Amino acid sequence: MVEKVVIDAQVLFYFHYTYAKIPQLLKKLKKQVIDGQITAIIPTISISELLWKMRRSGKTSAVKEAIKRWEESENVIIDNFDLKTIKLMLENTESHELHDEIIAMTCVKHNTNIIYSKDKKFESIFNLTVRSWK
């Protein structure tokens, strides 16, 4: 069975915005997604955060290209913020920030507890397994 993981906006920033050296963990993730070893679930809230940042730097065309690649990939799921996610939020008793809760509930919705992020609050608040590069 292919492992499912959720990706937060920080990962997308590394791949599409930051000019810093991409951490080895994220290089490995990208290769595993391309090779079909991992299914990456990208919440639309994460894409929205990337778009917001890219728009500020005049690079919205890169987001358009990325979305096209993700839509064509068998190993990427773009997950919408929908009523199912809101219902999961209603069952949740604790939160940190709205976008983080939406991302965490995306994990729950897709039956995975693995998230790629630097934010340790996903562990402490939402009891998820954070794969971090810091």
C-alpha atoms as a PDB file:
ATOM      1  CA  MET A   1       0.000   0.000   0.000  1.00  0.00           C
ATOM      2  CA  VAL A   2       1.273   3.450  -0.920  1.00  0.00           C
ATOM      3  CA  GLU A   3       1.888   5.745   2.031  1.00  0.00           C
ATOM      4  CA  LYS A   4      -0.222   8.916   2.116  1.00  0.00           C
ATOM      5  CA  VAL A   5       1.206  12.132   3.530  1.00  0.00           C
ATOM      6  CA  VAL A   6      -0.098  15.668   3.819  1.00  0.00           C
ATOM      7  CA  ILE A   7       2.087  18.571   2.784  1.00  0.00           C
ATOM      8  CA  ASP A   8       1.812  21.987   4.373  1.00  0.00           C
ATOM      9  CA  ALA A   9       2.596  25.330   2.783  1.00  0.00           C
ATOM     10  CA  GLN A  10       6.168  25.397   4.129  1.00  0.00           C
ATOM     11  CA  VAL A  11       7.063  22.468   1.885  1.00  0.00           C
ATOM     12  CA  LEU A  12       5.502  24.168  -1.127  1.00  0.00           C
ATOM     13  CA  PHE A  13       7.467  27.329  -0.306  1.00  0.00           C
ATOM     14  CA  TYR A  14      10.704  25.347  -0.447  1.00  0.00           C
ATOM     15  CA  PHE A  15       9.822  23.819  -3.796  1.00  0.00           C
ATOM     16  CA  HIS A  16       8.445  26.945  -5.474  1.00  0.00           C
ATOM     17  CA  TYR A  17       9.480  30.096  -3.645  1.00  0.00           C
ATOM     18  CA  THR A  18      12.591  29.790  -1.534  1.00  0.00           C
ATOM     19  CA  TYR A  19      15.934  30.036  -3.133  1.00  0.00           C
ATOM     20  CA  ALA A  20      17.636  28.351  -0.216  1.00  0.00           C
ATOM     21  CA  LYS A  21      19.044  24.877  -0.573  1.00  0.00           C
ATOM     22  CA  ILE A  22      16.214  22.340  -0.518  1.00  0.00           C
ATOM     23  CA  PRO A  23      16.636  20.054   2.507  1.00  0.00           C
ATOM     24  CA  GLN A  24      17.520  16.419   1.796  1.00  0.00           C
ATOM     25  CA  LEU A  25      14.286  15.213   3.419  1.00  0.00           C
ATOM     26  CA  LEU A  26      12.229  17.221   0.912  1.00  0.00           C
ATOM     27  CA  LYS A  27      14.346  16.058  -2.037  1.00  0.00           C
ATOM     28  CA  LYS A  28      13.639  12.485  -0.942  1.00  0.00           C
ATOM     29  CA  LEU A  29       9.910  13.240  -0.585  1.00  0.00           C
ATOM     30  CA  LYS A  30       9.771  14.678  -4.108  1.00  0.00           C
ATOM     31  CA  LYS A  31      11.515  11.605  -5.544  1.00  0.00           C
ATOM     32  CA  GLN A  32       9.222   9.220  -3.647  1.00  0.00           C
ATOM     33  CA  VAL A  33       6.138  11.031  -4.979  1.00  0.00           C
ATOM     34  CA  ILE A  34       7.492  10.954  -8.544  1.00  0.00           C
ATOM     35  CA  ASP A  35       8.360   7.242  -8.173  1.00  0.00           C
ATOM     36  CA  GLY A  36       4.886   6.433  -6.828  1.00  0.00           C
ATOM     37  CA  GLN A  37       6.090   5.343  -3.378  1.00  0.00           C
ATOM     38  CA  ILE A  38       4.154   8.121  -1.638  1.00  0.00           C
ATOM     39  CA  THR A  39       0.880   9.883  -2.396  1.00  0.00           C
ATOM     40  CA  ALA A  40       1.156  13.563  -1.495  1.00  0.00           C
ATOM     41  CA  ILE A  41      -2.035  15.240  -0.354  1.00  0.00           C
ATOM     42  CA  ILE A  42      -1.920  18.993  -0.822  1.00  0.00           C
ATOM     43  CA  PRO A  43      -4.694  20.951   0.907  1.00  0.00           C
ATOM     44  CA  THR A  44      -6.030  23.869  -1.122  1.00  0.00           C
ATOM     45  CA  ILE A  45      -5.275  26.108   1.885  1.00  0.00           C
ATOM     46  CA  SER A  46      -1.564  25.276   1.414  1.00  0.00           C
ATOM     47  CA  ILE A  47      -1.781  26.136  -2.274  1.00  0.00           C
ATOM     48  CA  SER A  48      -3.555  29.384  -1.368  1.00  0.00           C
ATOM     49  CA  GLU A  49      -0.718  30.335   0.986  1.00  0.00           C
ATOM     50  CA  LEU A  50       1.820  29.600  -1.756  1.00  0.00           C
ATOM     51  CA  LEU A  51      -0.159  31.656  -4.268  1.00  0.00           C
ATOM     52  CA  TRP A  52      -0.387  34.573  -1.859  1.00  0.00           C
ATOM     53  CA  LYS A  53       3.376  34.591  -1.375  1.00  0.00           C
ATOM     54  CA  MET A  54       4.168  34.067  -5.062  1.00  0.00           C
ATOM     55  CA  ARG A  55       1.797  36.858  -6.101  1.00  0.00           C
ATOM     56  CA  ARG A  56       3.714  39.255  -3.860  1.00  0.00           C
ATOM     57  CA  SER A  57       6.910  38.391  -5.748  1.00  0.00           C
ATOM     58  CA  GLY A  58       5.251  38.472  -9.177  1.00  0.00           C
ATOM     59  CA  LYS A  59       5.536  34.736  -9.794  1.00  0.00           C
ATOM     60  CA  THR A  60       1.960  33.488 -10.110  1.00  0.00           C
ATOM     61  CA  SER A  61       2.843  31.694 -13.356  1.00  0.00           C
ATOM     62  CA  ALA A  62       4.947  29.238 -11.313  1.00  0.00           C
ATOM     63  CA  VAL A  63       1.872  28.380  -9.229  1.00  0.00           C
ATOM     64  CA  LYS A  64      -0.193  27.823 -12.385  1.00  0.00           C
ATOM     65  CA  GLU A  65       2.476  25.458 -13.710  1.00  0.00           C
ATOM     66  CA  ALA A  66       2.691  23.608 -10.387  1.00  0.00           C
ATOM     67  CA  ILE A  67      -1.091  23.147 -10.214  1.00  0.00           C
ATOM     68  CA  LYS A  68      -1.108  21.745 -13.734  1.00  0.00           C
ATOM     69  CA  ARG A  69       1.632  19.222 -12.806  1.00  0.00           C
ATOM     70  CA  TRP A  70      -0.201  18.237  -9.604  1.00  0.00           C
ATOM     71  CA  GLU A  71      -3.485  17.741 -11.463  1.00  0.00           C
ATOM     72  CA  GLU A  72      -1.765  15.465 -13.978  1.00  0.00           C
ATOM     73  CA  SER A  73       0.105  13.420 -11.372  1.00  0.00           C
ATOM     74  CA  GLU A  74      -1.307  10.095 -10.233  1.00  0.00           C
ATOM     75  CA  ASN A  75       0.570  10.511  -6.956  1.00  0.00           C
ATOM     76  CA  VAL A  76      -0.787  13.906  -5.902  1.00  0.00           C
ATOM     77  CA  ILE A  77      -4.210  14.624  -4.450  1.00  0.00           C
ATOM     78  CA  ILE A  78      -5.329  18.227  -4.254  1.00  0.00           C
ATOM     79  CA  ASP A  79      -7.746  18.265  -1.351  1.00  0.00           C
ATOM     80  CA  ASN A  80     -10.549  20.811  -1.203  1.00  0.00           C
ATOM     81  CA  PHE A  81     -11.664  22.571   1.948  1.00  0.00           C
ATOM     82  CA  ASP A  82     -15.176  21.175   2.146  1.00  0.00           C
ATOM     83  CA  LEU A  83     -18.040  20.319   4.460  1.00  0.00           C
ATOM     84  CA  LYS A  84     -16.403  17.035   5.496  1.00  0.00           C
ATOM     85  CA  THR A  85     -13.380  18.984   6.725  1.00  0.00           C
ATOM     86  CA  ILE A  86     -15.632  21.393   8.633  1.00  0.00           C
ATOM     87  CA  LYS A  87     -17.440  18.474  10.284  1.00  0.00           C
ATOM     88  CA  LEU A  88     -14.081  17.075  11.395  1.00  0.00           C
ATOM     89  CA  MET A  89     -13.232  20.512  12.781  1.00  0.00           C
ATOM     90  CA  LEU A  90     -16.468  20.389  14.811  1.00  0.00           C
ATOM     91  CA  GLU A  91     -15.271  17.149  16.418  1.00  0.00           C
ATOM     92  CA  ASN A  92     -11.869  18.642  17.171  1.00  0.00           C
ATOM     93  CA  THR A  93     -11.519  20.131  20.644  1.00  0.00           C
ATOM     94  CA  GLU A  94      -8.339  22.158  20.304  1.00  0.00           C
ATOM     95  CA  SER A  95      -6.765  24.378  17.678  1.00  0.00           C
ATOM     96  CA  HIS A  96      -3.821  26.649  17.071  1.00  0.00           C
ATOM     97  CA  GLU A  97      -4.486  28.594  13.873  1.00  0.00           C
ATOM     98  CA  LEU A  98      -7.291  28.161  11.375  1.00  0.00           C
ATOM     99  CA  HIS A  99      -5.111  27.130   8.420  1.00  0.00           C
ATOM    100  CA  ASP A 100      -3.209  24.624  10.580  1.00  0.00           C
ATOM    101  CA  GLU A 101      -6.460  23.075  11.781  1.00  0.00           C
ATOM    102  CA  ILE A 102      -7.704  22.746   8.197  1.00  0.00           C
ATOM    103  CA  ILE A 103      -4.444  21.031   7.247  1.00  0.00           C
ATOM    104  CA  ALA A 104      -4.599  18.744  10.295  1.00  0.00           C
ATOM    105  CA  MET A 105      -8.198  17.779   9.531  1.00  0.00           C
ATOM    106  CA  THR A 106      -7.085  16.994   5.978  1.00  0.00           C
ATOM    107  CA  CYS A 107      -4.840  14.342   7.536  1.00  0.00           C
ATOM    108  CA  VAL A 108      -7.804  12.944   9.446  1.00  0.00           C
ATOM    109  CA  LYS A 109     -10.008  13.018   6.350  1.00  0.00           C
ATOM    110  CA  HIS A 110      -7.450  10.999   4.387  1.00  0.00           C
ATOM    111  CA  ASN A 111      -6.728   8.592   7.226  1.00  0.00           C
ATOM    112  CA  THR A 112      -3.073   9.525   7.650  1.00  0.00           C
ATOM    113  CA  ASN A 113      -1.206  10.998  10.582  1.00  0.00           C
ATOM    114  CA  ILE A 114       1.914  11.973   8.638  1.00  0.00           C
ATOM    115  CA  ILE A 115       2.531  15.584   7.739  1.00  0.00           C
ATOM    116  CA  TYR A 116       5.590  17.220   6.241  1.00  0.00           C
ATOM    117  CA  SER A 117       6.094  20.480   8.124  1.00  0.00           C
ATOM    118  CA  LYS A 118       8.434  22.370  10.427  1.00  0.00           C
ATOM    119  CA  ASP A 119       5.553  23.219  12.765  1.00  0.00           C
ATOM    120  CA  LYS A 120       5.778  21.006  15.853  1.00  0.00           C
ATOM    121  CA  LYS A 121       2.302  22.155  16.915  1.00  0.00           C
ATOM    122  CA  PHE A 122       0.916  19.544  14.542  1.00  0.00           C
ATOM    123  CA  GLU A 123       2.352  17.000  16.991  1.00  0.00           C
ATOM    124  CA  SER A 124       1.492  18.699  20.256  1.00  0.00           C
ATOM    125  CA  ILE A 125      -2.007  19.886  19.357  1.00  0.00           C
ATOM    126  CA  PHE A 126      -3.237  17.464  16.696  1.00  0.00           C
ATOM    127  CA  ASN A 127      -1.211  14.351  17.601  1.00  0.00           C
ATOM    128  CA  LEU A 128       0.217  13.990  14.092  1.00  0.00           C
ATOM    129  CA  THR A 129       3.609  12.627  13.098  1.00  0.00           C
ATOM    130  CA  VAL A 130       5.649  15.527  11.768  1.00  0.00           C
ATOM    131  CA  ARG A 131       8.410  14.804   9.305  1.00  0.00           C
ATOM    132  CA  SER A 132      10.534  17.870   9.691  1.00  0.00           C
ATOM    133  CA  TRP A 133      13.787  19.029   8.179  1.00  0.00           C
ATOM    134  CA  LYS A 134      14.690  21.134  11.235  1.00  0.00           C
END
